[in-house]
Protein backbone atom coordinates (compact mmCIF):
# COMPACT_ATOMS: atom_id res chain seq x y z
CA MET A 1 -0.05 0.00 -0.05
CA ARG A 2 1.14 3.57 -0.67
CA ARG A 3 1.95 5.81 2.34
CA PRO A 4 -0.75 8.12 3.26
CA THR A 5 -0.79 11.52 1.49
CA ASP A 6 -2.58 14.56 1.74
CA ARG A 7 -6.06 14.17 0.34
CA GLY A 8 -6.14 17.58 -1.42
CA SER A 9 -2.76 17.05 -2.93
CA GLU A 10 -3.70 13.70 -4.13
CA SER A 11 -6.97 14.94 -5.64
CA TRP A 12 -5.34 17.70 -7.64
CA ARG A 13 -2.51 15.40 -8.98
CA THR A 14 -5.41 12.97 -10.12
CA LEU A 15 -7.14 16.03 -11.85
CA ALA A 16 -3.86 16.94 -13.62
CA VAL A 17 -3.48 13.44 -15.00
CA LEU A 18 -6.99 13.16 -16.05
CA CYS A 19 -6.71 16.47 -17.74
CA VAL A 20 -3.52 15.55 -19.73
CA GLY A 21 -4.97 12.16 -20.76
CA SER A 22 -8.21 13.61 -21.75
CA PHE A 23 -7.14 16.68 -23.71
CA ALA A 24 -5.98 14.98 -26.87
CA VAL A 25 -9.00 12.83 -27.09
CA LEU A 26 -11.48 15.61 -26.67
CA MET A 27 -9.48 17.83 -29.05
CA ASP A 28 -9.78 15.17 -31.77
CA THR A 29 -13.61 15.82 -32.10
CA THR A 30 -12.85 19.06 -33.92
CA ILE A 31 -9.26 19.17 -35.19
CA VAL A 32 -9.70 17.09 -38.24
CA ASN A 33 -12.12 19.53 -39.98
CA VAL A 34 -9.39 21.94 -41.13
CA ALA A 35 -7.43 19.19 -42.67
CA ILE A 36 -10.06 18.12 -45.13
CA PRO A 37 -8.61 19.91 -48.36
CA SER A 38 -5.26 18.30 -47.76
CA LEU A 39 -6.87 14.92 -47.17
CA VAL A 40 -8.55 15.20 -50.42
CA ASP A 41 -5.38 16.09 -52.19
CA THR A 42 -3.16 13.65 -50.53
CA LEU A 43 -5.33 10.63 -50.34
CA HIS A 44 -7.33 11.32 -53.25
CA ALA A 45 -10.53 10.97 -51.15
CA GLY A 46 -13.98 11.53 -52.46
CA LEU A 47 -16.65 13.55 -50.65
CA ASP A 48 -18.31 10.46 -49.18
CA GLN A 49 -14.88 9.17 -47.91
CA VAL A 50 -13.87 12.76 -46.60
CA LEU A 51 -17.23 13.05 -44.57
CA TRP A 52 -16.86 9.46 -43.14
CA ILE A 53 -13.26 10.17 -41.82
CA ASN A 54 -14.78 12.41 -39.29
CA ASN A 55 -18.37 10.70 -39.05
CA ALA A 56 -16.83 7.31 -38.41
CA TYR A 57 -15.21 8.79 -35.26
CA LEU A 58 -18.32 10.54 -34.15
CA LEU A 59 -20.73 7.76 -34.73
CA VAL A 60 -18.68 5.10 -32.69
CA PHE A 61 -17.72 7.72 -29.92
CA GLY A 62 -21.51 8.85 -29.57
CA SER A 63 -22.94 5.37 -29.54
CA LEU A 64 -20.82 3.62 -26.83
CA LEU A 65 -20.42 6.28 -24.20
CA ILE A 66 -23.29 4.84 -22.00
CA THR A 67 -21.94 1.39 -22.34
CA MET A 68 -18.34 2.34 -21.64
CA SER A 69 -19.28 4.22 -18.56
CA ARG A 70 -20.98 1.01 -17.16
CA LEU A 71 -17.81 -0.91 -18.12
CA GLY A 72 -15.81 1.22 -15.89
CA ASP A 73 -17.99 0.18 -12.99
CA VAL A 74 -17.46 -3.38 -13.76
CA PHE A 75 -13.66 -3.39 -14.53
CA GLY A 76 -12.50 -0.27 -12.68
CA GLN A 77 -12.28 3.39 -13.98
CA ARG A 78 -8.53 3.49 -13.78
CA ARG A 79 -8.16 0.33 -16.06
CA LEU A 80 -10.75 1.79 -18.46
CA PHE A 81 -8.98 5.18 -18.61
CA ILE A 82 -5.62 3.57 -19.42
CA LEU A 83 -7.04 1.26 -21.90
CA GLY A 84 -8.77 4.00 -23.63
CA LEU A 85 -5.61 6.04 -23.85
CA ALA A 86 -3.76 2.92 -25.36
CA VAL A 87 -6.28 2.32 -27.89
CA PHE A 88 -6.50 6.13 -28.77
CA ALA A 89 -2.52 6.29 -29.12
CA LEU A 90 -2.32 3.34 -31.33
CA CYS A 91 -5.11 4.41 -33.60
CA SER A 92 -3.70 7.96 -33.74
CA ALA A 93 -0.47 6.43 -35.16
CA LEU A 94 -2.35 4.43 -37.58
CA CYS A 95 -4.33 7.34 -38.74
CA GLY A 96 -1.13 9.29 -39.42
CA ALA A 97 0.49 6.54 -41.39
CA ALA A 98 -2.67 5.73 -43.45
CA GLN A 99 -2.05 5.41 -47.11
CA ASN A 100 -5.54 5.52 -48.33
CA PRO A 101 -8.97 6.82 -47.34
CA THR A 102 -10.31 3.41 -46.22
CA GLU A 103 -7.32 2.82 -43.80
CA LEU A 104 -8.12 6.40 -42.37
CA ILE A 105 -11.63 5.65 -41.97
CA VAL A 106 -11.14 2.37 -40.17
CA ALA A 107 -8.52 3.91 -37.99
CA ARG A 108 -10.79 6.86 -37.09
CA ALA A 109 -13.50 4.33 -35.99
CA PHE A 110 -11.14 2.73 -33.56
CA GLN A 111 -9.92 6.07 -32.40
CA GLY A 112 -13.63 6.69 -31.40
CA LEU A 113 -13.73 3.57 -29.51
CA GLY A 114 -10.71 4.63 -27.40
CA ALA A 115 -12.29 7.99 -26.77
CA ALA A 116 -15.51 6.32 -25.66
CA ILE A 117 -13.76 4.08 -23.43
CA LEU A 118 -11.99 6.93 -21.85
CA VAL A 119 -14.27 9.93 -21.71
CA PRO A 120 -16.75 8.76 -18.99
CA GLN A 121 -14.26 7.63 -16.44
CA PRO A 122 -12.76 11.05 -15.24
CA LEU A 123 -16.15 12.14 -13.77
CA VAL A 124 -16.44 9.06 -11.56
CA MET A 125 -12.80 9.50 -10.36
CA ILE A 126 -13.16 13.04 -9.48
CA SER A 127 -16.54 12.29 -7.69
CA ALA A 128 -14.72 9.46 -5.67
CA THR A 129 -11.61 11.44 -4.88
CA VAL A 130 -12.90 14.92 -4.19
CA PRO A 131 -15.17 16.00 -1.33
CA ALA A 132 -18.43 17.59 -2.41
CA GLU A 133 -17.43 21.08 -0.99
CA ARG A 134 -14.44 21.23 -3.24
CA ARG A 135 -16.07 19.28 -6.26
CA GLY A 136 -17.19 22.42 -8.14
CA ALA A 137 -13.78 23.96 -8.42
CA THR A 138 -12.26 20.68 -9.45
CA LEU A 139 -14.93 20.06 -12.16
CA GLY A 140 -14.48 23.70 -13.12
CA VAL A 141 -10.80 22.98 -13.99
CA TYR A 142 -11.62 19.70 -15.69
CA ASN A 143 -14.63 21.05 -17.81
CA SER A 144 -12.58 23.98 -18.90
CA MET A 145 -10.26 21.66 -20.47
CA ILE A 146 -13.25 20.01 -22.25
CA GLY A 147 -14.44 23.32 -23.75
CA LEU A 148 -10.75 24.42 -24.40
CA ALA A 149 -9.85 21.21 -26.24
CA ALA A 150 -12.86 21.54 -28.54
CA VAL A 151 -12.19 25.18 -29.49
CA ILE A 152 -8.35 24.84 -29.68
CA GLY A 153 -8.65 21.86 -32.09
CA PRO A 154 -9.29 24.05 -35.26
CA THR A 155 -6.44 26.40 -34.23
CA LEU A 156 -3.76 23.74 -33.67
CA GLY A 157 -5.03 21.81 -36.80
CA GLY A 158 -4.73 24.78 -38.87
CA VAL A 159 -1.20 25.40 -37.72
CA LEU A 160 -0.14 21.76 -38.08
CA VAL A 161 -1.69 21.44 -41.72
CA THR A 162 -0.27 24.81 -42.85
CA TYR A 163 3.33 24.46 -41.53
CA VAL A 164 3.90 20.96 -41.01
CA ASP A 165 1.75 18.13 -42.63
CA TRP A 166 -1.78 16.88 -42.06
CA ARG A 167 -0.48 13.45 -40.75
CA TRP A 168 0.65 15.54 -37.60
CA ILE A 169 -2.89 16.26 -36.48
CA PHE A 170 -2.82 12.56 -35.47
CA TYR A 171 0.85 12.13 -34.60
CA VAL A 172 0.69 14.96 -32.17
CA ASN A 173 -1.74 12.76 -29.98
CA VAL A 174 0.82 10.03 -29.63
CA PRO A 175 3.28 11.71 -26.94
CA ILE A 176 0.35 13.36 -25.07
CA THR A 177 -1.43 10.02 -24.64
CA ILE A 178 1.66 8.15 -23.85
CA ALA A 179 2.50 10.77 -21.19
CA GLY A 180 -0.99 10.18 -20.06
CA ILE A 181 -0.65 6.45 -19.73
CA VAL A 182 2.69 6.70 -17.71
CA LEU A 183 1.21 9.33 -15.37
CA ALA A 184 -2.13 7.27 -14.86
CA PHE A 185 -0.15 4.29 -13.89
CA ARG A 186 1.77 6.34 -11.27
CA VAL A 187 -0.86 8.75 -9.99
CA LEU A 188 -4.42 7.54 -10.66
CA PRO A 189 -6.11 5.55 -7.86
CA ASP A 190 -7.57 2.16 -8.20
CA LEU A 191 -11.01 2.44 -6.98
CA ARG A 192 -13.01 -0.38 -5.30
CA LEU A 193 -16.53 0.04 -4.37
CA GLY A 194 -16.78 -3.14 -2.24
CA ARG A 195 -19.32 -4.77 -4.52
CA ARG A 196 -19.26 -6.69 -8.08
CA HIS A 197 -21.09 -5.27 -10.86
CA ARG A 198 -22.74 -7.16 -13.76
CA LEU A 199 -23.11 -5.82 -17.27
CA ASP A 200 -26.67 -5.56 -18.65
CA ALA A 201 -25.98 -7.25 -21.99
CA VAL A 202 -29.52 -6.51 -23.53
CA GLY A 203 -29.34 -3.02 -22.27
CA VAL A 204 -26.02 -2.51 -23.98
CA VAL A 205 -27.49 -3.80 -27.31
CA LEU A 206 -30.51 -1.70 -27.08
CA ALA A 207 -28.78 1.57 -26.05
CA THR A 208 -25.80 1.01 -28.50
CA LEU A 209 -28.06 0.51 -31.54
CA GLY A 210 -30.43 3.00 -30.61
CA LEU A 211 -27.91 5.76 -30.22
CA ALA A 212 -26.01 4.59 -33.32
CA GLY A 213 -29.28 5.05 -35.29
CA VAL A 214 -29.95 8.46 -33.87
CA VAL A 215 -26.41 9.72 -34.28
CA PHE A 216 -26.09 8.27 -37.99
CA GLY A 217 -29.22 10.10 -38.84
CA LEU A 218 -28.08 13.43 -37.36
CA ILE A 219 -24.55 13.34 -38.80
CA GLU A 220 -25.65 12.03 -42.28
CA GLY A 221 -29.17 13.48 -42.81
CA GLN A 222 -28.18 16.62 -44.61
CA ARG A 223 -25.77 14.83 -47.01
CA TYR A 224 -28.64 12.54 -48.14
CA ALA A 225 -31.24 15.36 -48.11
CA TRP A 226 -33.13 13.53 -45.36
CA GLY A 227 -34.05 10.92 -48.00
CA ARG A 228 -32.64 7.55 -49.01
CA VAL A 229 -29.17 6.44 -47.90
CA ALA A 230 -26.85 5.90 -50.85
CA GLY A 231 -29.91 5.39 -53.15
CA GLY A 232 -30.96 2.16 -51.17
CA PRO A 233 -34.33 1.15 -49.81
CA VAL A 234 -33.73 2.78 -46.42
CA THR A 235 -34.17 6.55 -45.55
CA ILE A 236 -32.60 8.64 -42.97
CA PRO A 237 -36.13 9.25 -41.10
CA GLU A 238 -36.53 5.58 -40.92
CA ILE A 239 -33.08 4.89 -39.34
CA MET A 240 -33.64 7.64 -36.79
CA ILE A 241 -37.14 6.30 -36.06
CA ALA A 242 -35.72 2.89 -35.60
CA GLY A 243 -33.03 4.28 -33.30
CA ALA A 244 -35.74 6.15 -31.26
CA VAL A 245 -37.71 3.00 -30.92
CA LEU A 246 -34.86 0.97 -29.72
CA LEU A 247 -34.03 3.70 -27.09
CA VAL A 248 -37.75 3.68 -25.92
CA ALA A 249 -37.40 -0.20 -25.64
CA PHE A 250 -34.23 0.33 -23.74
CA GLY A 251 -36.03 2.55 -21.11
CA PHE A 252 -38.74 0.08 -20.65
CA TRP A 253 -36.34 -2.86 -20.37
CA GLU A 254 -34.23 -0.81 -17.83
CA ARG A 255 -37.39 -0.01 -15.61
CA GLY A 256 -38.37 -3.64 -15.70
CA ARG A 257 -34.91 -4.84 -14.15
CA ARG A 258 -36.15 -4.50 -10.66
CA GLY A 259 -33.82 -6.25 -8.17
CA GLN A 260 -31.14 -6.53 -10.84
CA GLU A 261 -28.47 -4.09 -12.12
CA PRO A 262 -29.54 -2.05 -14.94
CA LEU A 263 -27.26 -0.15 -17.38
CA ILE A 264 -28.80 3.19 -15.99
CA PRO A 265 -30.46 2.86 -12.71
CA ALA A 266 -34.20 3.76 -12.49
CA ALA A 267 -33.59 6.27 -9.72
CA VAL A 268 -31.31 8.34 -12.11
CA LEU A 269 -33.95 8.06 -15.02
CA ARG A 270 -36.91 9.13 -12.79
CA ASP A 271 -35.15 12.22 -11.54
CA LYS A 272 -36.69 15.09 -13.70
CA THR A 273 -33.96 17.45 -12.53
CA ILE A 274 -31.09 15.19 -13.98
CA VAL A 275 -33.01 14.81 -17.15
CA LEU A 276 -33.34 18.63 -17.37
CA LEU A 277 -29.48 18.91 -16.58
CA CYS A 278 -28.77 16.42 -19.53
CA GLY A 279 -30.95 18.56 -21.99
CA LEU A 280 -29.09 21.86 -20.67
CA THR A 281 -25.74 20.05 -21.27
CA ALA A 282 -26.67 19.09 -24.73
CA THR A 283 -27.99 22.69 -25.54
CA VAL A 284 -24.63 24.19 -24.45
CA GLN A 285 -22.89 21.98 -27.05
CA PHE A 286 -25.64 22.69 -29.66
CA ALA A 287 -24.97 26.39 -29.30
CA LEU A 288 -21.11 25.91 -29.44
CA MET A 289 -21.10 23.84 -32.59
CA GLY A 290 -23.43 26.38 -34.24
CA ILE A 291 -21.17 29.05 -33.54
CA MET A 292 -17.96 27.26 -34.34
CA ILE A 293 -19.04 25.85 -37.76
CA LEU A 294 -20.80 28.99 -38.99
CA GLY A 295 -17.94 31.15 -37.62
CA ALA A 296 -15.27 28.97 -39.41
CA VAL A 297 -17.06 29.25 -42.74
CA ASN A 298 -17.66 32.98 -42.31
CA MET A 299 -13.86 33.56 -41.59
CA GLN A 300 -12.54 31.41 -44.41
CA SER A 301 -15.21 31.56 -47.19
CA VAL A 302 -16.85 34.98 -46.74
CA LEU A 303 -13.88 37.03 -45.21
CA GLY A 304 -11.06 35.22 -47.03
CA TYR A 305 -8.84 34.50 -43.97
CA SER A 306 -6.80 31.35 -43.65
CA ALA A 307 -7.45 28.21 -41.40
CA VAL A 308 -4.91 29.34 -38.86
CA VAL A 309 -6.38 32.93 -38.54
CA SER A 310 -9.87 31.49 -38.31
CA GLY A 311 -8.72 29.23 -35.44
CA LEU A 312 -7.21 32.14 -33.62
CA THR A 313 -10.20 34.23 -33.88
CA ALA A 314 -11.87 31.96 -31.60
CA LEU A 315 -8.94 32.04 -29.05
CA PRO A 316 -10.56 34.68 -26.73
CA LEU A 317 -13.39 32.19 -26.05
CA SER A 318 -10.78 29.50 -25.15
CA VAL A 319 -8.75 31.96 -22.93
CA VAL A 320 -11.75 33.26 -21.00
CA LEU A 321 -13.36 29.85 -20.62
CA ALA A 322 -10.05 28.24 -19.25
CA MET A 323 -9.51 31.21 -16.73
CA LEU A 324 -13.05 31.59 -15.38
CA ALA A 325 -14.61 28.09 -15.15
CA PRO A 326 -12.62 27.01 -11.93
CA PHE A 327 -13.84 30.13 -10.29
CA ALA A 328 -17.47 29.56 -11.35
CA GLY A 329 -17.09 25.95 -10.16
CA ARG A 330 -15.78 27.28 -6.84
CA LEU A 331 -18.65 29.77 -6.54
CA SER A 332 -21.24 26.82 -7.14
CA ASP A 333 -19.72 24.96 -4.09
CA ARG A 334 -20.59 27.98 -1.95
CA ILE A 335 -23.87 29.34 -3.13
CA GLY A 336 -25.29 26.42 -5.19
CA SER A 337 -25.69 26.14 -9.03
CA ARG A 338 -29.06 27.68 -9.89
CA LEU A 339 -28.16 31.34 -10.03
CA ILE A 340 -24.89 30.70 -11.65
CA LEU A 341 -26.62 28.54 -14.35
CA VAL A 342 -29.21 31.39 -15.12
CA GLY A 343 -26.37 33.99 -15.32
CA GLY A 344 -24.18 31.65 -17.41
CA PHE A 345 -26.95 31.01 -19.89
CA THR A 346 -28.02 34.64 -20.17
CA VAL A 347 -24.46 35.72 -20.85
CA TYR A 348 -23.88 33.01 -23.44
CA ALA A 349 -27.14 34.19 -25.26
CA LEU A 350 -25.90 37.74 -25.00
CA GLY A 351 -22.64 36.73 -26.64
CA VAL A 352 -24.60 35.02 -29.58
CA ILE A 353 -26.72 38.17 -30.03
CA VAL A 354 -23.63 40.44 -30.01
CA LEU A 355 -21.99 38.10 -32.59
CA MET A 356 -25.00 38.35 -34.70
CA ALA A 357 -24.86 42.27 -34.57
CA ALA A 358 -21.09 42.22 -35.44
CA LEU A 359 -21.43 40.17 -38.51
CA SER A 360 -20.40 42.07 -41.66
CA VAL A 361 -18.76 41.30 -44.99
CA HIS A 362 -16.18 43.86 -43.92
CA ALA A 363 -15.51 42.30 -40.44
CA THR A 364 -11.98 41.49 -39.08
CA PRO A 365 -10.74 38.90 -36.59
CA PHE A 366 -10.77 41.86 -33.93
CA THR A 367 -14.56 42.23 -34.71
CA PHE A 368 -15.37 38.82 -32.76
CA VAL A 369 -13.20 39.53 -29.79
CA LEU A 370 -16.11 40.87 -27.71
CA PRO A 371 -18.75 38.25 -28.67
CA TYR A 372 -16.35 35.39 -28.27
CA CYS A 373 -15.29 36.82 -24.83
CA LEU A 374 -18.98 36.89 -23.81
CA VAL A 375 -19.60 33.32 -25.10
CA GLY A 376 -16.61 32.15 -23.15
CA LEU A 377 -17.68 33.82 -19.90
CA GLY A 378 -21.18 32.36 -20.35
CA MET A 379 -19.81 28.86 -20.99
CA SER A 380 -17.39 29.03 -18.02
CA CYS A 381 -20.37 29.42 -15.80
CA LEU A 382 -22.13 26.40 -17.14
CA PHE A 383 -20.06 23.29 -17.42
CA ALA A 384 -18.90 22.75 -13.80
CA PRO A 385 -22.20 24.09 -12.38
CA LEU A 386 -24.15 21.63 -14.41
CA THR A 387 -22.07 18.55 -13.55
CA THR A 388 -21.92 19.50 -9.84
CA GLU A 389 -25.72 19.91 -9.64
CA ALA A 390 -26.17 16.49 -11.28
CA LEU A 391 -23.83 14.83 -8.85
CA ARG A 392 -25.57 16.31 -5.90
CA ARG A 393 -28.70 14.27 -6.92
CA VAL A 394 -27.29 10.81 -7.22
CA ARG A 395 -25.76 8.21 -4.82
CA PRO A 396 -22.08 7.56 -5.38
CA GLU A 397 -22.54 4.29 -6.95
CA PHE A 398 -24.58 5.89 -9.72
CA THR A 399 -21.97 8.28 -10.71
CA GLY A 400 -20.87 6.04 -13.70
CA ALA A 401 -24.34 5.94 -15.07
CA LEU A 402 -24.60 9.69 -14.71
CA ALA A 403 -21.25 10.22 -16.40
CA GLY A 404 -22.38 8.23 -19.25
CA MET A 405 -25.70 10.08 -19.56
CA LEU A 406 -24.08 13.53 -19.25
CA ASN A 407 -21.27 12.74 -21.94
CA THR A 408 -23.93 11.19 -24.37
CA SER A 409 -26.12 14.34 -23.96
CA ARG A 410 -23.12 16.47 -24.81
CA GLN A 411 -22.19 14.41 -27.86
CA LEU A 412 -25.96 14.38 -29.11
CA GLY A 413 -26.12 18.03 -28.64
CA SER A 414 -23.13 18.48 -30.88
CA SER A 415 -24.60 16.35 -33.52
CA ILE A 416 -28.01 18.02 -33.40
CA GLY A 417 -26.45 21.17 -33.71
CA SER A 418 -24.43 20.43 -36.53
CA ALA A 419 -27.56 19.00 -38.38
CA VAL A 420 -29.82 21.77 -37.31
CA VAL A 421 -27.60 24.72 -38.01
CA GLY A 422 -26.29 23.11 -41.28
CA GLY A 423 -29.63 22.56 -42.57
CA VAL A 424 -31.25 25.90 -41.64
CA LEU A 425 -28.00 27.73 -42.92
CA ALA A 426 -28.29 25.88 -46.28
CA THR A 427 -31.80 26.68 -46.79
CA LEU A 428 -31.69 30.34 -45.90
CA LEU A 429 -28.51 30.77 -47.92
CA ALA A 430 -30.13 29.38 -50.96
CA ASP A 431 -33.22 31.48 -50.35
CA ARG A 432 -31.06 34.74 -49.91
CA MET A 433 -28.90 34.05 -52.95
CA ARG A 434 -31.76 33.60 -55.32
CA SER A 435 -33.42 36.80 -54.07
CA LYS A 436 -30.17 38.99 -54.46
CA ALA A 437 -29.35 37.33 -57.63
CA ALA A 438 -32.75 38.29 -59.20
CA ALA A 439 -32.26 41.81 -57.81
CA ALA A 440 -28.76 42.06 -59.11
CA ALA A 441 -29.77 40.73 -62.76
CA GLY A 442 -31.63 43.72 -63.37
CA GLY A 443 -28.41 45.66 -63.58
CA LEU A 444 -27.06 43.44 -66.31
CA PRO A 445 -27.85 43.72 -69.89
CA SER A 446 -30.77 41.68 -70.91
CA GLN A 447 -28.81 39.21 -73.18
CA ASP A 448 -26.64 38.40 -69.94
CA GLN A 449 -29.20 38.07 -67.31
CA SER A 450 -30.22 34.54 -68.13
CA LEU A 451 -26.67 33.32 -68.25
CA PHE A 452 -26.03 34.81 -64.83
CA LEU A 453 -29.30 33.42 -63.28
CA ARG A 454 -28.74 29.95 -64.56
CA GLY A 455 -25.85 29.68 -62.07
CA PHE A 456 -28.39 29.84 -59.28
CA ALA A 457 -30.86 27.51 -60.37
CA GLY A 458 -29.10 24.19 -60.15
CA PRO A 459 -29.62 21.42 -57.66
CA GLY A 460 -25.95 21.96 -56.43
CA HIS A 461 -27.05 24.97 -54.56
CA SER A 462 -26.30 23.65 -51.08
CA GLY A 463 -24.49 24.67 -47.90
CA LEU A 464 -22.07 21.80 -48.21
CA ALA A 465 -20.15 23.64 -50.71
CA VAL A 466 -19.65 26.59 -48.60
CA GLY A 467 -17.37 24.50 -46.45
CA ARG A 468 -15.06 23.95 -49.45
CA GLY A 469 -14.48 27.63 -50.20
CA GLN A 470 -17.07 27.85 -53.01
CA SER A 471 -19.84 30.46 -53.22
CA GLY A 472 -22.61 28.45 -51.87
CA GLY A 473 -22.87 26.11 -54.83
CA ALA A 474 -23.50 28.96 -57.21
CA THR A 475 -21.59 28.97 -60.62
CA VAL A 476 -21.16 30.97 -63.60
CA ALA A 477 -22.67 29.05 -66.57
CA ALA A 478 -20.55 27.32 -69.02
CA GLY A 479 -19.68 29.03 -72.28
CA VAL A 480 -19.65 32.69 -70.94
CA PRO A 481 -16.81 34.76 -72.61
CA GLU A 482 -13.96 35.39 -70.38
CA PRO A 483 -14.36 39.25 -69.70
CA LEU A 484 -18.04 38.63 -68.93
CA ARG A 485 -17.13 35.55 -66.86
CA THR A 486 -14.96 37.58 -64.73
CA GLN A 487 -17.51 40.16 -64.08
CA LEU A 488 -20.23 37.60 -63.24
CA GLN A 489 -17.91 35.78 -60.81
CA ARG A 490 -17.09 38.93 -58.93
CA LEU A 491 -21.03 39.52 -58.75
CA VAL A 492 -21.64 35.89 -57.67
CA HIS A 493 -19.06 36.33 -54.88
CA THR A 494 -20.64 39.56 -53.65
CA ILE A 495 -24.09 37.94 -53.59
CA PHE A 496 -22.59 34.84 -51.69
CA THR A 497 -20.84 36.94 -49.07
CA GLY A 498 -23.72 39.21 -48.38
CA SER A 499 -26.34 36.32 -48.43
CA TYR A 500 -24.19 34.17 -46.12
CA VAL A 501 -23.98 36.89 -43.47
CA ASP A 502 -27.67 37.38 -43.70
CA ALA A 503 -28.30 33.65 -43.38
CA MET A 504 -25.71 33.27 -40.57
CA ARG A 505 -27.40 36.05 -38.70
CA SER A 506 -30.85 34.54 -39.11
CA THR A 507 -29.57 31.07 -38.14
CA LEU A 508 -27.85 32.16 -34.82
CA ILE A 509 -31.29 33.09 -33.68
CA ILE A 510 -32.01 29.53 -33.00
CA PRO A 511 -29.20 28.96 -30.34
CA ALA A 512 -29.81 32.40 -28.94
CA ALA A 513 -33.45 31.71 -28.11
CA LEU A 514 -32.58 28.12 -26.83
CA LEU A 515 -30.02 29.65 -24.45
CA LEU A 516 -32.49 32.09 -23.06
CA LEU A 517 -35.09 29.48 -22.81
CA CYS A 518 -32.68 27.35 -20.68
CA ALA A 519 -31.87 30.23 -18.44
CA ALA A 520 -35.47 30.54 -17.75
CA GLY A 521 -35.73 26.82 -17.11
CA CYS A 522 -33.00 27.00 -14.58
CA ALA A 523 -34.58 29.87 -12.78
CA LEU A 524 -38.02 28.05 -12.51
CA LEU A 525 -37.17 24.23 -12.40
CA ILE A 526 -34.02 23.75 -10.48
CA ARG A 527 -34.13 23.79 -6.90
CA PRO A 528 -31.50 23.52 -4.25
CA GLN A 529 -30.83 20.01 -3.00
CA ARG A 530 -28.78 18.21 -0.35
CA PRO A 531 -26.63 15.34 -1.45
CA ALA A 532 -28.45 12.05 -2.10
CA THR A 533 -26.78 10.49 0.98
CA PRO A 534 -24.69 11.87 3.89
CA ALA A 535 -21.87 9.68 2.26
CA ALA A 536 -22.21 11.56 -0.95
CA SER A 537 -20.47 14.63 0.38
CA GLN A 538 -17.23 12.63 0.92
CA PRO A 539 -15.06 10.71 -1.39
CA ARG A 540 -16.19 7.07 -1.92
CA PRO A 541 -14.45 4.39 0.01
CA MET A 542 -11.65 3.22 -1.95
CA LYS A 543 -8.60 1.08 -1.93
CA THR A 544 -5.43 2.37 -3.43
CA VAL A 545 -3.08 -0.27 -4.79
CA ASP A 546 0.48 -0.04 -6.18
CA THR A 547 0.90 -1.21 -9.81
């Protein structure tokens, strides 16, 4: 056995290791997007393959979080954390060494497996090693790393792709994860709860397949126009409905396992406040994904900045979040979470509203400093208090299940945000461009008007093209003489940039409204509550063993 150590010092060392180990995994959910042009050029990947390089990771990751949180209870969170790091490190090396799109897609899927194994475990270990009166501050530090990793991914990815090579967006994970493995063996406690756990196999199948169906539909729906998948007999809505039916069946199955050990205990599912907190967690990610996706396209395709500058533009958000989240967590320990959550969602919404007002075709990176600082301030008041409030409402042995629910909510929020924001933007952008094109055509000679408008009438007019630096799918018709082509191309770009700014401003109304609704919900529905049991205010009994 180790010699006794100061509990506070041990818990902060544990937190440091969890942050190091988790950072690369969480950053990888966003870092790949900036490398898409390089992947197309180097690996000769088609559009479907490029999309699946990211979607394979997200699909596996989002589908397995609940299951892997329960496996942590069965085999030990420390073991699962180290295993997740090892799988992620190996697959990161394989991603960097991939020679064709298929190899990269397969490696990315297994990367998602490693991430799913790892991500639910830190919350359980923090809950077990940190007393309740210091848990908010600790979670503030850890959750600030989650937000920082998601936001800094595009920045670091842009630097690596621009100045080194796209393969290094994967290779950079290897030394970080290896360091995490070494430190985890040396520092992390081996938790024992004094009871054996059994895995609910039927629940695992129902939850995994149900989440896979919903997540697949969300990330692939826009690409297939919410219709048939790859021209086959099955449609996106049918896949999502099947996934939802399986999740409903999962809920009935879990409720019927009285006297047995369900994947998610009924006491957790019945707590309406926990369900509300999961919804609030999803909304935080919904809004963040909307801001990041729309902002990146605006910086690169509308304002013409590089991926590096685009990533650096969001740096104020990262800095404010990292600096203030621990203080918000500490404050929630003292006064409770409700007022902090109300203020956080309100400031978050204010940041989105200021961002909407700042949008312009003449904007610079400095234009977005204030709105991104407000967004970071709002988010810093949300991560730790949401988790702390949820932990107050469950018994210690249910923390693993709670971690699975919160992390799954976070991932679903990201997927729903991407689907909704992308779909709404594409629809509004197409409408705005057609209206502006019709108005602009009036200033052209009558013989050139039809040539100009023809480029806005095709089916390729979609938001997907925007991400590839094109003008929203609009083109100049073939056969136009060169002098006129240059003039029309310039006009098309002017119409696209103005239309995108208008469409982005309208689209951001959705996350702003949802955030304000969340603020009202926190004020009306969250009530202070004591820990579920007296033991919940202290770390769980555990045995620390040498390895």
